[in-house]
Amino acid sequence: MENLLIPLPRWRAVCRPRHTAEGDSVLLSDGEALCRPTRKGLEAALLAAPLPPRCDFWDPAATAAWRRAQGLPPVGVLVSACLAGERCRYDGGHNRVPGAAALVATGEGFPICPEVFGGLPCPRPPCELQGGRVVSREGADCTAAYAAGAAQAVEAARILGVAAALLKARSPSCGIGRVYDGSFSHQLVPGDGVAARALAQAGLTLYSEEGSPWT
């Protein structure tokens, strides 16, 4: 039985065999995974693999093409990567929610982090919305990075053909309906994050982890 080449994120510092409960041997390396052709075994190996020290995400065009080639259904929903367990929070942590992680692990969800898409590092200074700008706690204007990341999230949605997104509540990029007020005092005000607003304008239905069909 031939090995199957599957496009994956560029995992860093991970290049060793992983063995799954199904007996499949999977090699995660820089930019690819070699495995026996059972999707369940690959998904289990990905869940067992260590997270990379920085965030690298799937290429939406490669993902869409591979799923078509394998006869798999299209991705159904964008998922804030921190909810799937990626360490892309401003402090280098994550906000893993089992339902969101399961969406990504099974291929039904595609992980996005608009802040990382916009070129911001992990970790990074916390940011909040202040009027029409996104400002760090130190006073740096990060609006351009947030706007660039939002545009990439919209482009990922277009390429993948998704109609919904599961996003991190209260985030300056992904918050839906309520966001922090810009005072860095955990006060909430009505509003949407930069990427959430762009995705809504692109026609996606938005959900947060605080209330969705998956969480």
N, C-alpha and C. Protein backbone atom coordinates (compact mmCIF):
# COMPACT_ATOMS: atom_id res chain seq x y z
N MET A 1 0.85 -1.20 0.00
CA MET A 1 0.00 0.00 0.00
C MET A 1 0.88 1.24 0.00
N GLU A 2 0.64 2.17 -0.92
CA GLU A 2 1.51 3.33 -1.05
C GLU A 2 1.26 4.34 0.05
N ASN A 3 2.33 5.09 0.36
CA ASN A 3 2.17 6.20 1.27
C ASN A 3 1.41 7.33 0.59
N LEU A 4 0.80 8.16 1.38
CA LEU A 4 -0.01 9.26 0.86
C LEU A 4 0.59 10.58 1.33
N LEU A 5 0.86 11.48 0.40
CA LEU A 5 1.42 12.78 0.73
C LEU A 5 0.29 13.78 0.96
N ILE A 6 0.28 14.39 2.14
CA ILE A 6 -0.82 15.26 2.54
C ILE A 6 -0.28 16.63 2.92
N PRO A 7 -0.79 17.71 2.31
CA PRO A 7 -0.30 19.04 2.68
C PRO A 7 -0.73 19.41 4.10
N LEU A 8 0.22 19.88 4.88
CA LEU A 8 -0.02 20.26 6.27
C LEU A 8 0.67 21.57 6.55
N PRO A 9 0.44 22.15 7.73
CA PRO A 9 1.20 23.34 8.10
C PRO A 9 2.69 23.01 8.16
N ARG A 10 3.53 24.03 8.12
CA ARG A 10 4.96 23.82 8.22
C ARG A 10 5.32 23.66 9.70
N TRP A 11 5.07 22.48 10.26
CA TRP A 11 5.38 22.23 11.66
C TRP A 11 6.86 22.43 11.90
N ARG A 12 7.22 23.13 12.95
CA ARG A 12 8.62 23.40 13.26
C ARG A 12 9.09 22.41 14.35
N ALA A 13 10.33 22.02 14.23
CA ALA A 13 10.97 21.18 15.24
C ALA A 13 10.19 19.88 15.49
N VAL A 14 9.52 19.39 14.45
CA VAL A 14 8.79 18.12 14.56
C VAL A 14 9.17 17.26 13.38
N CYS A 15 9.94 16.23 13.61
CA CYS A 15 10.31 15.32 12.52
C CYS A 15 10.62 13.96 13.13
N ARG A 16 9.59 13.25 13.49
CA ARG A 16 9.77 11.94 14.14
C ARG A 16 8.52 11.09 13.87
N PRO A 17 8.65 9.78 13.86
CA PRO A 17 7.47 8.94 13.67
C PRO A 17 6.50 9.08 14.85
N ARG A 18 5.22 9.09 14.55
CA ARG A 18 4.18 9.04 15.58
C ARG A 18 3.33 7.81 15.30
N HIS A 19 2.95 7.08 16.32
CA HIS A 19 2.15 5.89 16.13
C HIS A 19 0.77 6.12 16.73
N THR A 20 -0.27 5.80 15.97
CA THR A 20 -1.63 6.05 16.39
C THR A 20 -2.25 4.77 16.91
N ALA A 21 -3.46 4.93 17.47
CA ALA A 21 -4.18 3.78 18.00
C ALA A 21 -4.54 2.79 16.89
N GLU A 22 -4.64 3.29 15.66
CA GLU A 22 -4.98 2.42 14.53
C GLU A 22 -3.76 1.70 13.97
N GLY A 23 -2.58 1.98 14.54
CA GLY A 23 -1.39 1.30 14.07
C GLY A 23 -0.70 1.98 12.91
N ASP A 24 -1.16 3.15 12.51
CA ASP A 24 -0.53 3.86 11.41
C ASP A 24 0.73 4.57 11.89
N SER A 25 1.78 4.53 11.08
CA SER A 25 3.00 5.25 11.38
C SER A 25 3.02 6.53 10.56
N VAL A 26 3.15 7.67 11.23
CA VAL A 26 3.05 8.96 10.56
C VAL A 26 4.33 9.74 10.82
N LEU A 27 4.91 10.29 9.77
CA LEU A 27 6.07 11.14 9.91
C LEU A 27 5.66 12.58 9.64
N LEU A 28 5.74 13.41 10.67
CA LEU A 28 5.49 14.83 10.51
C LEU A 28 6.83 15.51 10.27
N SER A 29 6.92 16.30 9.20
CA SER A 29 8.17 16.97 8.89
C SER A 29 7.86 18.37 8.41
N ASP A 30 8.85 19.05 7.89
CA ASP A 30 8.68 20.46 7.51
C ASP A 30 7.87 20.57 6.23
N GLY A 31 6.56 20.72 6.39
CA GLY A 31 5.71 20.97 5.24
C GLY A 31 4.97 19.78 4.70
N GLU A 32 5.13 18.59 5.28
CA GLU A 32 4.42 17.45 4.73
C GLU A 32 4.24 16.39 5.80
N ALA A 33 3.35 15.45 5.51
CA ALA A 33 3.20 14.29 6.38
C ALA A 33 3.12 13.06 5.50
N LEU A 34 3.86 12.03 5.83
CA LEU A 34 3.76 10.75 5.14
C LEU A 34 3.03 9.79 6.05
N CYS A 35 2.00 9.15 5.54
CA CYS A 35 1.23 8.27 6.40
C CYS A 35 0.58 7.17 5.59
N ARG A 36 0.14 6.15 6.29
CA ARG A 36 -0.70 5.17 5.64
C ARG A 36 -2.03 5.84 5.33
N PRO A 37 -2.66 5.50 4.22
CA PRO A 37 -3.82 6.28 3.76
C PRO A 37 -5.10 5.97 4.52
N THR A 38 -5.12 6.29 5.80
CA THR A 38 -6.37 6.24 6.56
C THR A 38 -6.53 7.58 7.25
N ARG A 39 -7.57 8.30 6.94
CA ARG A 39 -7.76 9.65 7.46
C ARG A 39 -7.88 9.64 8.98
N LYS A 40 -8.54 8.60 9.53
CA LYS A 40 -8.73 8.55 10.97
C LYS A 40 -7.38 8.47 11.69
N GLY A 41 -6.47 7.66 11.13
CA GLY A 41 -5.15 7.55 11.73
C GLY A 41 -4.38 8.85 11.66
N LEU A 42 -4.48 9.56 10.54
CA LEU A 42 -3.79 10.83 10.40
C LEU A 42 -4.33 11.85 11.39
N GLU A 43 -5.65 11.89 11.52
CA GLU A 43 -6.25 12.85 12.45
C GLU A 43 -5.79 12.58 13.88
N ALA A 44 -5.71 11.31 14.26
CA ALA A 44 -5.26 10.97 15.61
C ALA A 44 -3.81 11.39 15.81
N ALA A 45 -2.98 11.22 14.78
CA ALA A 45 -1.58 11.59 14.89
C ALA A 45 -1.42 13.10 15.02
N LEU A 46 -2.22 13.84 14.29
CA LEU A 46 -2.14 15.30 14.37
C LEU A 46 -2.54 15.78 15.76
N LEU A 47 -3.56 15.16 16.34
CA LEU A 47 -3.97 15.55 17.68
C LEU A 47 -2.89 15.22 18.70
N ALA A 48 -2.12 14.16 18.46
CA ALA A 48 -1.08 13.75 19.40
C ALA A 48 0.21 14.55 19.21
N ALA A 49 0.41 15.15 18.04
CA ALA A 49 1.67 15.83 17.74
C ALA A 49 1.82 17.09 18.59
N PRO A 50 3.04 17.44 18.98
CA PRO A 50 3.25 18.68 19.74
C PRO A 50 2.95 19.89 18.89
N LEU A 51 2.50 20.95 19.54
CA LEU A 51 2.22 22.19 18.82
C LEU A 51 3.53 22.86 18.44
N PRO A 52 3.57 23.56 17.32
CA PRO A 52 4.81 24.24 16.92
C PRO A 52 5.08 25.44 17.82
N PRO A 53 6.35 25.87 17.92
CA PRO A 53 6.66 27.02 18.76
C PRO A 53 6.16 28.33 18.19
N ARG A 54 5.79 28.37 16.92
CA ARG A 54 5.10 29.52 16.38
C ARG A 54 3.98 29.00 15.49
N CYS A 55 3.09 29.89 15.06
CA CYS A 55 1.89 29.44 14.36
C CYS A 55 2.09 29.41 12.85
N ASP A 56 1.89 28.27 12.24
CA ASP A 56 1.85 28.13 10.79
C ASP A 56 0.55 27.43 10.45
N PHE A 57 -0.13 27.91 9.45
CA PHE A 57 -1.46 27.40 9.17
C PHE A 57 -1.54 26.80 7.77
N TRP A 58 -2.53 25.98 7.58
CA TRP A 58 -2.78 25.36 6.28
C TRP A 58 -2.97 26.42 5.20
N ASP A 59 -2.50 26.09 4.02
CA ASP A 59 -2.74 26.92 2.84
C ASP A 59 -4.14 26.57 2.34
N PRO A 60 -5.08 27.54 2.25
CA PRO A 60 -6.45 27.19 1.87
C PRO A 60 -6.56 26.60 0.48
N ALA A 61 -5.76 27.11 -0.48
CA ALA A 61 -5.83 26.57 -1.83
C ALA A 61 -5.35 25.12 -1.87
N ALA A 62 -4.25 24.82 -1.15
CA ALA A 62 -3.74 23.45 -1.11
C ALA A 62 -4.74 22.52 -0.42
N THR A 63 -5.34 23.02 0.65
CA THR A 63 -6.33 22.22 1.37
C THR A 63 -7.53 21.91 0.48
N ALA A 64 -8.06 22.93 -0.20
CA ALA A 64 -9.22 22.73 -1.07
C ALA A 64 -8.90 21.76 -2.19
N ALA A 65 -7.71 21.91 -2.81
CA ALA A 65 -7.33 21.04 -3.92
C ALA A 65 -7.16 19.60 -3.45
N TRP A 66 -6.52 19.42 -2.28
CA TRP A 66 -6.31 18.06 -1.79
C TRP A 66 -7.63 17.38 -1.45
N ARG A 67 -8.55 18.11 -0.85
CA ARG A 67 -9.84 17.51 -0.50
C ARG A 67 -10.62 17.12 -1.75
N ARG A 68 -10.54 17.96 -2.79
CA ARG A 68 -11.20 17.59 -4.06
C ARG A 68 -10.57 16.33 -4.63
N ALA A 69 -9.24 16.26 -4.62
CA ALA A 69 -8.54 15.11 -5.19
C ALA A 69 -8.86 13.82 -4.44
N GLN A 70 -9.12 13.93 -3.14
CA GLN A 70 -9.43 12.76 -2.34
C GLN A 70 -10.92 12.43 -2.31
N GLY A 71 -11.72 13.24 -3.01
CA GLY A 71 -13.15 13.01 -3.02
C GLY A 71 -13.83 13.35 -1.71
N LEU A 72 -13.21 14.23 -0.92
CA LEU A 72 -13.77 14.63 0.37
C LEU A 72 -14.66 15.85 0.21
N PRO A 73 -15.63 16.01 1.09
CA PRO A 73 -16.48 17.21 1.02
C PRO A 73 -15.67 18.46 1.33
N PRO A 74 -16.12 19.62 0.86
CA PRO A 74 -15.39 20.85 1.15
C PRO A 74 -15.37 21.15 2.65
N VAL A 75 -14.41 21.98 3.05
CA VAL A 75 -14.38 22.48 4.42
C VAL A 75 -15.68 23.24 4.67
N GLY A 76 -16.25 23.09 5.85
CA GLY A 76 -17.54 23.70 6.12
C GLY A 76 -17.50 25.02 6.87
N VAL A 77 -16.42 25.25 7.66
CA VAL A 77 -16.43 26.39 8.56
C VAL A 77 -15.00 26.84 8.85
N LEU A 78 -14.78 28.15 8.90
CA LEU A 78 -13.53 28.69 9.43
C LEU A 78 -13.58 28.62 10.95
N VAL A 79 -12.43 28.38 11.58
CA VAL A 79 -12.35 28.26 13.03
C VAL A 79 -11.19 29.10 13.55
N SER A 80 -11.45 29.96 14.52
CA SER A 80 -10.34 30.66 15.16
C SER A 80 -9.34 29.62 15.66
N ALA A 81 -8.10 29.74 15.21
CA ALA A 81 -7.10 28.70 15.49
C ALA A 81 -6.85 28.52 16.98
N CYS A 82 -6.96 29.58 17.76
CA CYS A 82 -6.75 29.43 19.21
C CYS A 82 -7.80 28.52 19.82
N LEU A 83 -9.03 28.51 19.26
CA LEU A 83 -10.07 27.63 19.77
C LEU A 83 -9.78 26.17 19.44
N ALA A 84 -9.00 25.95 18.38
CA ALA A 84 -8.62 24.59 18.00
C ALA A 84 -7.39 24.10 18.74
N GLY A 85 -6.81 24.96 19.58
CA GLY A 85 -5.66 24.56 20.37
C GLY A 85 -4.33 25.08 19.89
N GLU A 86 -4.32 25.87 18.79
CA GLU A 86 -3.08 26.47 18.33
C GLU A 86 -2.64 27.55 19.32
N ARG A 87 -1.35 27.61 19.58
CA ARG A 87 -0.82 28.59 20.54
C ARG A 87 -0.58 29.93 19.82
N CYS A 88 -1.68 30.61 19.52
CA CYS A 88 -1.58 31.86 18.77
C CYS A 88 -2.23 33.03 19.50
N ARG A 89 -2.58 32.85 20.77
CA ARG A 89 -3.04 33.99 21.56
C ARG A 89 -1.91 35.02 21.68
N TYR A 90 -2.27 36.22 22.08
CA TYR A 90 -1.26 37.26 22.22
C TYR A 90 -0.16 36.86 23.20
N ASP A 91 -0.50 36.03 24.20
CA ASP A 91 0.48 35.63 25.20
C ASP A 91 1.14 34.29 24.89
N GLY A 92 0.92 33.77 23.68
CA GLY A 92 1.49 32.50 23.28
C GLY A 92 0.70 31.29 23.71
N GLY A 93 -0.45 31.49 24.35
CA GLY A 93 -1.30 30.39 24.78
C GLY A 93 -2.40 30.09 23.76
N HIS A 94 -3.40 29.36 24.20
CA HIS A 94 -4.52 29.02 23.34
C HIS A 94 -5.80 29.05 24.15
N ASN A 95 -6.93 28.90 23.48
CA ASN A 95 -8.25 28.88 24.11
C ASN A 95 -8.99 27.62 23.67
N ARG A 96 -8.33 26.47 23.72
CA ARG A 96 -8.88 25.26 23.13
C ARG A 96 -10.26 24.92 23.64
N VAL A 97 -11.17 24.68 22.69
CA VAL A 97 -12.52 24.21 22.96
C VAL A 97 -12.67 22.87 22.23
N PRO A 98 -13.05 21.80 22.93
CA PRO A 98 -13.07 20.49 22.27
C PRO A 98 -13.84 20.45 20.96
N GLY A 99 -15.01 21.11 20.91
CA GLY A 99 -15.78 21.08 19.67
C GLY A 99 -15.07 21.75 18.52
N ALA A 100 -14.39 22.85 18.79
CA ALA A 100 -13.64 23.55 17.74
C ALA A 100 -12.45 22.73 17.30
N ALA A 101 -11.74 22.13 18.27
CA ALA A 101 -10.60 21.28 17.93
C ALA A 101 -11.04 20.09 17.08
N ALA A 102 -12.20 19.54 17.38
CA ALA A 102 -12.70 18.40 16.61
C ALA A 102 -13.03 18.80 15.18
N LEU A 103 -13.57 19.99 14.99
CA LEU A 103 -13.86 20.46 13.63
C LEU A 103 -12.59 20.47 12.78
N VAL A 104 -11.51 21.02 13.34
CA VAL A 104 -10.26 21.11 12.59
C VAL A 104 -9.64 19.73 12.40
N ALA A 105 -9.68 18.89 13.44
CA ALA A 105 -9.06 17.57 13.35
C ALA A 105 -9.71 16.70 12.29
N THR A 106 -11.01 16.84 12.11
CA THR A 106 -11.72 16.02 11.13
C THR A 106 -11.74 16.63 9.74
N GLY A 107 -11.21 17.86 9.60
CA GLY A 107 -11.19 18.51 8.30
C GLY A 107 -12.43 19.30 7.98
N GLU A 108 -13.43 19.28 8.85
CA GLU A 108 -14.63 20.08 8.61
C GLU A 108 -14.36 21.56 8.85
N GLY A 109 -13.39 21.86 9.69
CA GLY A 109 -13.03 23.25 9.99
C GLY A 109 -11.64 23.58 9.49
N PHE A 110 -11.44 24.83 9.14
CA PHE A 110 -10.14 25.33 8.67
C PHE A 110 -9.66 26.40 9.65
N PRO A 111 -8.47 26.24 10.26
CA PRO A 111 -8.03 27.18 11.29
C PRO A 111 -7.50 28.48 10.71
N ILE A 112 -7.92 29.58 11.30
CA ILE A 112 -7.41 30.89 10.90
C ILE A 112 -7.02 31.67 12.15
N CYS A 113 -6.00 32.51 12.03
CA CYS A 113 -5.70 33.51 13.05
C CYS A 113 -5.42 34.80 12.30
N PRO A 114 -6.40 35.68 12.18
CA PRO A 114 -6.18 36.91 11.43
C PRO A 114 -5.01 37.74 11.94
N GLU A 115 -4.73 37.68 13.23
CA GLU A 115 -3.62 38.46 13.77
C GLU A 115 -2.28 37.94 13.25
N VAL A 116 -2.13 36.61 13.22
CA VAL A 116 -0.92 36.02 12.67
C VAL A 116 -0.90 36.19 11.15
N PHE A 117 -2.06 36.02 10.51
CA PHE A 117 -2.14 36.26 9.07
C PHE A 117 -1.65 37.66 8.72
N GLY A 118 -1.90 38.62 9.60
CA GLY A 118 -1.49 40.00 9.35
C GLY A 118 -0.04 40.28 9.66
N GLY A 119 0.71 39.26 10.09
CA GLY A 119 2.13 39.42 10.31
C GLY A 119 2.55 39.66 11.75
N LEU A 120 1.61 39.59 12.69
CA LEU A 120 1.95 39.81 14.10
C LEU A 120 2.55 38.54 14.69
N PRO A 121 3.51 38.67 15.60
CA PRO A 121 4.18 37.49 16.15
C PRO A 121 3.40 36.85 17.28
N CYS A 122 3.87 35.68 17.71
CA CYS A 122 3.37 35.00 18.90
C CYS A 122 4.56 34.77 19.83
N PRO A 123 4.56 35.30 21.03
CA PRO A 123 3.53 36.19 21.60
C PRO A 123 3.68 37.62 21.06
N ARG A 124 2.74 38.49 21.44
CA ARG A 124 2.72 39.87 20.99
C ARG A 124 2.02 40.70 22.05
N PRO A 125 2.19 42.01 22.03
CA PRO A 125 1.48 42.84 23.01
C PRO A 125 -0.03 42.73 22.80
N PRO A 126 -0.80 42.72 23.89
CA PRO A 126 -2.26 42.68 23.73
C PRO A 126 -2.76 43.95 23.05
N CYS A 127 -3.81 43.81 22.26
CA CYS A 127 -4.40 44.94 21.54
C CYS A 127 -5.89 45.02 21.83
N GLU A 128 -6.42 46.21 21.72
CA GLU A 128 -7.86 46.41 21.81
C GLU A 128 -8.28 47.48 20.80
N LEU A 129 -9.58 47.49 20.52
CA LEU A 129 -10.13 48.48 19.60
C LEU A 129 -10.34 49.80 20.33
N GLN A 130 -9.90 50.88 19.68
CA GLN A 130 -10.13 52.23 20.19
C GLN A 130 -10.68 53.06 19.05
N GLY A 131 -11.99 53.22 19.03
CA GLY A 131 -12.61 53.88 17.89
C GLY A 131 -12.45 53.02 16.66
N GLY A 132 -11.88 53.59 15.60
CA GLY A 132 -11.67 52.83 14.37
C GLY A 132 -10.29 52.22 14.28
N ARG A 133 -9.50 52.30 15.35
CA ARG A 133 -8.14 51.78 15.31
C ARG A 133 -7.98 50.58 16.24
N VAL A 134 -6.92 49.80 15.99
CA VAL A 134 -6.52 48.73 16.89
C VAL A 134 -5.19 49.15 17.49
N VAL A 135 -5.13 49.25 18.81
CA VAL A 135 -3.97 49.81 19.48
C VAL A 135 -3.47 48.84 20.53
N SER A 136 -2.15 48.71 20.65
CA SER A 136 -1.57 47.84 21.67
C SER A 136 -1.59 48.55 23.01
N ARG A 137 -1.35 47.79 24.08
CA ARG A 137 -1.33 48.37 25.41
C ARG A 137 -0.22 49.42 25.53
N GLU A 138 0.83 49.28 24.71
CA GLU A 138 1.92 50.25 24.73
C GLU A 138 1.64 51.47 23.85
N GLY A 139 0.50 51.45 23.14
CA GLY A 139 0.12 52.59 22.32
C GLY A 139 0.46 52.48 20.85
N ALA A 140 1.02 51.34 20.41
CA ALA A 140 1.34 51.17 18.99
C ALA A 140 0.07 50.93 18.18
N ASP A 141 0.00 51.55 17.01
CA ASP A 141 -1.14 51.38 16.12
C ASP A 141 -0.94 50.12 15.28
N CYS A 142 -1.78 49.11 15.49
CA CYS A 142 -1.68 47.83 14.79
C CYS A 142 -2.81 47.64 13.79
N THR A 143 -3.48 48.75 13.44
CA THR A 143 -4.66 48.66 12.58
C THR A 143 -4.35 48.00 11.25
N ALA A 144 -3.22 48.37 10.63
CA ALA A 144 -2.90 47.84 9.31
C ALA A 144 -2.72 46.32 9.34
N ALA A 145 -2.07 45.82 10.38
CA ALA A 145 -1.88 44.37 10.49
C ALA A 145 -3.20 43.65 10.66
N TYR A 146 -4.09 44.21 11.46
CA TYR A 146 -5.40 43.59 11.68
C TYR A 146 -6.23 43.61 10.39
N ALA A 147 -6.14 44.71 9.64
CA ALA A 147 -6.89 44.80 8.38
C ALA A 147 -6.35 43.80 7.37
N ALA A 148 -5.01 43.66 7.30
CA ALA A 148 -4.41 42.70 6.37
C ALA A 148 -4.81 41.28 6.74
N GLY A 149 -4.82 40.96 8.02
CA GLY A 149 -5.22 39.63 8.44
C GLY A 149 -6.68 39.34 8.16
N ALA A 150 -7.53 40.35 8.34
CA ALA A 150 -8.95 40.19 8.03
C ALA A 150 -9.15 39.90 6.55
N ALA A 151 -8.40 40.60 5.70
CA ALA A 151 -8.50 40.37 4.25
C ALA A 151 -8.08 38.96 3.89
N GLN A 152 -7.05 38.45 4.55
CA GLN A 152 -6.63 37.07 4.28
C GLN A 152 -7.67 36.06 4.76
N ALA A 153 -8.32 36.35 5.87
CA ALA A 153 -9.38 35.45 6.35
C ALA A 153 -10.53 35.41 5.35
N VAL A 154 -10.90 36.56 4.82
CA VAL A 154 -11.96 36.61 3.80
C VAL A 154 -11.55 35.83 2.55
N GLU A 155 -10.28 35.97 2.16
CA GLU A 155 -9.81 35.25 0.98
C GLU A 155 -9.81 33.74 1.23
N ALA A 156 -9.44 33.32 2.43
CA ALA A 156 -9.51 31.89 2.76
C ALA A 156 -10.94 31.38 2.65
N ALA A 157 -11.89 32.17 3.14
CA ALA A 157 -13.30 31.78 3.05
C ALA A 157 -13.74 31.65 1.60
N ARG A 158 -13.27 32.58 0.75
CA ARG A 158 -13.64 32.53 -0.66
C ARG A 158 -13.07 31.29 -1.34
N ILE A 159 -11.79 31.02 -1.10
CA ILE A 159 -11.14 29.87 -1.73
C ILE A 159 -11.80 28.56 -1.29
N LEU A 160 -12.09 28.45 -0.02
CA LEU A 160 -12.64 27.21 0.52
C LEU A 160 -14.15 27.09 0.31
N GLY A 161 -14.81 28.21 0.03
CA GLY A 161 -16.25 28.19 -0.19
C GLY A 161 -17.05 28.00 1.08
N VAL A 162 -16.50 28.41 2.22
CA VAL A 162 -17.22 28.24 3.47
C VAL A 162 -18.27 29.34 3.64
N ALA A 163 -19.30 29.03 4.41
CA ALA A 163 -20.39 29.99 4.64
C ALA A 163 -20.52 30.38 6.10
N ALA A 164 -19.64 29.84 6.99
CA ALA A 164 -19.76 30.11 8.42
C ALA A 164 -18.38 30.18 9.04
N ALA A 165 -18.32 30.83 10.20
CA ALA A 165 -17.07 30.93 10.94
C ALA A 165 -17.36 30.81 12.43
N LEU A 166 -16.52 30.05 13.13
CA LEU A 166 -16.57 29.92 14.58
C LEU A 166 -15.40 30.71 15.14
N LEU A 167 -15.69 31.82 15.82
CA LEU A 167 -14.66 32.80 16.16
C LEU A 167 -14.56 33.02 17.66
N LYS A 168 -13.37 33.48 18.08
CA LYS A 168 -13.10 33.72 19.50
C LYS A 168 -13.83 34.95 20.00
N ALA A 169 -14.62 34.78 21.03
CA ALA A 169 -15.41 35.89 21.59
C ALA A 169 -14.49 36.99 22.12
N ARG A 170 -14.96 38.23 21.98
CA ARG A 170 -14.38 39.43 22.58
C ARG A 170 -13.05 39.86 21.99
N SER A 171 -12.50 39.11 21.06
CA SER A 171 -11.21 39.42 20.45
C SER A 171 -11.30 40.67 19.58
N PRO A 172 -10.23 41.49 19.52
CA PRO A 172 -10.25 42.65 18.62
C PRO A 172 -10.27 42.26 17.15
N SER A 173 -9.93 41.01 16.84
CA SER A 173 -10.04 40.56 15.46
C SER A 173 -11.29 39.70 15.25
N CYS A 174 -11.63 38.85 16.21
CA CYS A 174 -12.68 37.85 15.99
C CYS A 174 -13.93 38.03 16.85
N GLY A 175 -13.96 39.02 17.73
CA GLY A 175 -15.13 39.21 18.59
C GLY A 175 -16.40 39.49 17.81
N ILE A 176 -17.52 38.96 18.30
CA ILE A 176 -18.82 39.13 17.65
C ILE A 176 -19.78 39.78 18.64
N GLY A 177 -20.21 40.98 18.32
CA GLY A 177 -21.23 41.63 19.14
C GLY A 177 -20.72 42.40 20.34
N ARG A 178 -19.62 41.91 20.95
CA ARG A 178 -19.02 42.60 22.09
C ARG A 178 -17.50 42.47 22.01
N VAL A 179 -16.81 43.57 22.28
CA VAL A 179 -15.35 43.58 22.30
C VAL A 179 -14.89 44.42 23.49
N TYR A 180 -13.63 44.30 23.84
CA TYR A 180 -13.10 45.12 24.92
C TYR A 180 -13.03 46.59 24.47
N ASP A 181 -13.18 47.48 25.42
CA ASP A 181 -13.43 48.90 25.10
C ASP A 181 -12.18 49.73 24.81
N GLY A 182 -11.00 49.14 24.85
CA GLY A 182 -9.79 49.89 24.55
C GLY A 182 -9.08 50.44 25.76
N SER A 183 -9.63 50.22 26.93
CA SER A 183 -9.01 50.72 28.16
C SER A 183 -8.12 49.67 28.83
N PHE A 184 -8.11 48.45 28.30
CA PHE A 184 -7.34 47.33 28.86
C PHE A 184 -7.72 47.07 30.32
N SER A 185 -9.01 47.25 30.59
CA SER A 185 -9.53 47.01 31.94
C SER A 185 -10.62 45.95 31.95
N HIS A 186 -10.70 45.15 30.89
CA HIS A 186 -11.67 44.06 30.75
C HIS A 186 -13.11 44.55 30.69
N GLN A 187 -13.30 45.80 30.28
CA GLN A 187 -14.64 46.34 30.10
C GLN A 187 -15.10 46.07 28.67
N LEU A 188 -16.33 45.61 28.52
CA LEU A 188 -16.87 45.27 27.21
C LEU A 188 -17.81 46.35 26.70
N VAL A 189 -17.81 46.52 25.37
CA VAL A 189 -18.72 47.44 24.71
C VAL A 189 -19.29 46.74 23.47
N PRO A 190 -20.42 47.20 22.96
CA PRO A 190 -20.94 46.61 21.72
C PRO A 190 -19.97 46.84 20.57
N GLY A 191 -19.83 45.84 19.72
CA GLY A 191 -18.95 45.97 18.57
C GLY A 191 -18.47 44.62 18.07
N ASP A 192 -17.82 44.65 16.92
CA ASP A 192 -17.26 43.44 16.31
C ASP A 192 -15.77 43.63 16.07
N GLY A 193 -15.02 42.53 16.10
CA GLY A 193 -13.62 42.57 15.75
C GLY A 193 -13.43 42.85 14.27
N VAL A 194 -12.21 43.22 13.91
CA VAL A 194 -11.92 43.62 12.53
C VAL A 194 -12.19 42.48 11.55
N ALA A 195 -11.71 41.29 11.83
CA ALA A 195 -11.94 40.16 10.93
C ALA A 195 -13.39 39.70 10.95
N ALA A 196 -14.01 39.71 12.13
CA ALA A 196 -15.41 39.32 12.22
C ALA A 196 -16.27 40.23 11.35
N ARG A 197 -16.01 41.52 11.41
CA ARG A 197 -16.77 42.47 10.60
C ARG A 197 -16.57 42.21 9.10
N ALA A 198 -15.32 41.95 8.70
CA ALA A 198 -15.03 41.69 7.30
C ALA A 198 -15.68 40.39 6.82
N LEU A 199 -15.65 39.36 7.66
CA LEU A 199 -16.27 38.09 7.28
C LEU A 199 -17.79 38.21 7.18
N ALA A 200 -18.39 38.98 8.10
CA ALA A 200 -19.84 39.21 8.03
C ALA A 200 -20.19 39.96 6.75
N GLN A 201 -19.39 40.96 6.40
CA GLN A 201 -19.64 41.70 5.17
C GLN A 201 -19.48 40.83 3.93
N ALA A 202 -18.65 39.79 4.04
CA ALA A 202 -18.48 38.84 2.93
C ALA A 202 -19.60 37.81 2.86
N GLY A 203 -20.53 37.87 3.82
CA GLY A 203 -21.70 37.00 3.78
C GLY A 203 -21.65 35.77 4.65
N LEU A 204 -20.61 35.62 5.49
CA LEU A 204 -20.53 34.44 6.36
C LEU A 204 -21.44 34.61 7.57
N THR A 205 -21.98 33.50 8.03
CA THR A 205 -22.69 33.46 9.30
C THR A 205 -21.67 33.23 10.42
N LEU A 206 -21.71 34.08 11.44
CA LEU A 206 -20.69 34.03 12.48
C LEU A 206 -21.24 33.46 13.78
N TYR A 207 -20.39 32.67 14.45
CA TYR A 207 -20.70 32.11 15.76
C TYR A 207 -19.48 32.31 16.66
N SER A 208 -19.73 32.42 17.96
CA SER A 208 -18.61 32.40 18.91
C SER A 208 -18.65 31.09 19.68
N GLU A 209 -17.57 30.82 20.40
CA GLU A 209 -17.53 29.58 21.19
C GLU A 209 -18.51 29.62 22.36
N GLU A 210 -19.08 30.80 22.62
CA GLU A 210 -20.02 30.92 23.74
C GLU A 210 -21.44 30.50 23.35
N GLY A 211 -21.63 30.12 22.10
CA GLY A 211 -22.93 29.66 21.67
C GLY A 211 -22.91 29.33 20.19
N SER A 212 -22.76 28.05 19.85
CA SER A 212 -22.69 27.64 18.44
C SER A 212 -23.15 26.21 18.32
N PRO A 213 -23.40 25.73 17.11
CA PRO A 213 -23.79 24.32 16.94
C PRO A 213 -22.68 23.34 17.31
N TRP A 214 -21.43 23.83 17.46
CA TRP A 214 -20.30 22.93 17.66
C TRP A 214 -19.73 22.97 19.07
N THR A 215 -20.16 23.94 19.89
CA THR A 215 -19.57 24.06 21.23
C THR A 215 -20.64 24.06 22.30
